[in-house]
Structure formats: structure tokens, C-alpha cells
């Protein structure tokens, strides 16, 4: 029986061809604003070398180019997602700044203290062992380096909580199947969000991995969370 890592890799390889369109369509375009918010919060650290873990099709890496870094390296285990990302990067003529590599977030192929900043955009909940992944990211960051995470949460205010829960559990998987041909892939999304330790529980996990100043802010009434920690 395949472990979570291989299941996730296979799932994202299957939907890679429609992943960007679905992300923008199913979030009503708000996902762009969430990535922009991460970039603006990271700007105060003035990072030169940035690591984008679980980069997918490189949307966050492309957004972070606006920080004028010297280098951005994106890693992901799903090779088909990376192929889509490489095409986007070349089309935008950003291949001198952004490099994509196939790599496991829990076993990063980089020296200790290599990066000024690291980020994960909607990929932490897919880590097979989240603590191990966070510890690896902590290892490759330079002392004083910032780590930022965008990840889904669950809104808790009426009526947003009820409307979001219905959309997430019933509408999203159906539309996911219509547009990507993979119902199971988009059924996985709400299931993975339900089991993810968001909010205070995730900042505690960040602290356990070695990060200090762990904090978070809710975006879009708690639909997504932005986390920040420092090595």
C-alpha cells in the first residue's frame, strides 16, 4: 500500500494540467490575493535567496520575484506539476531567477543555512510527517531567516462557516471532477483541511521544529491562514 507521500505525488500529477485554472476558478481568484499578502509580509526581511517548498506550478515563486531576490528555488515531489511550472517560468522569462527541482520536503537537497527565506503555499498539509518537513526547512534557513506558510483553515463565524463547509464538502469535489476528471483529488482537499492543525496548534508545531516568534493571521475570515516564524 502506497504511503501518503506517493499518494499525494500521484494525485497532483493527475490534475497538474488543470491545477492553475481550478485554483483560480474555485477560489474566485482570491488565491492571488493571498499569495500577494505573503509577499508583502516577507518584503520587510529583504531576502536574497528564497526557497519555495511544495511549489506546485510555481505561482508563489513567480509572485516572490517582485521582491527582487537574486535566486528563488522551488521544490516539489510531483514532476508533472513542475513541468507546468517550468513552462510558465520560461514564458515569463524568469528562468534566470527561478529554478525548479524535484525534491522531497522532508529530505531537502540543500546545505544547512542556505536560504534567507522559505515559504510553503498550501502544501504543508500534504507533508507525510509535518514536523519533519518543518525541521528540514528550519535546517536550510540561515539564522534570522523567515519562514512563511499559507494554508487553509476553517472559518468559525456564522454564516460563513456553514456556507464554506457546504461549498468545500459538496461543490468543490464535483467541480473538481468536471474540470480535472479527478473527483478523488478534490475530495481529498476538504478531508486534508479538516485534519490539519491550523491556528495555535500549527504555531506550536513550528516552535517544536525550532522556529521562534511563531504567529499567524486569518485571511478572508479564516478561510486561509498566514503563518510566520523566524529561525
Foldseek 3Di string as FASTA:
>chain_A
DDALQVVVLVLLLLQLVCVVVLVCVLVVNCLLVVLLVVLVVQLVLLWQEEEEEQCQLPPSVVSNVVSVHQAYEYEHQHVNSPVNNVVVCVVVVNVNHYHYDYDALLDDPAAFQATQEYEYEACLLSHSDNLSSLLSVNRNHHAFHKYKYKHFAAFDDPPRNVVVVCCQQPVQLVVCCVRRVDSPSSNVVVVSRVPDPDDPRVLVSNVVSPWPPWHWDADPRRRMIMIMTGD
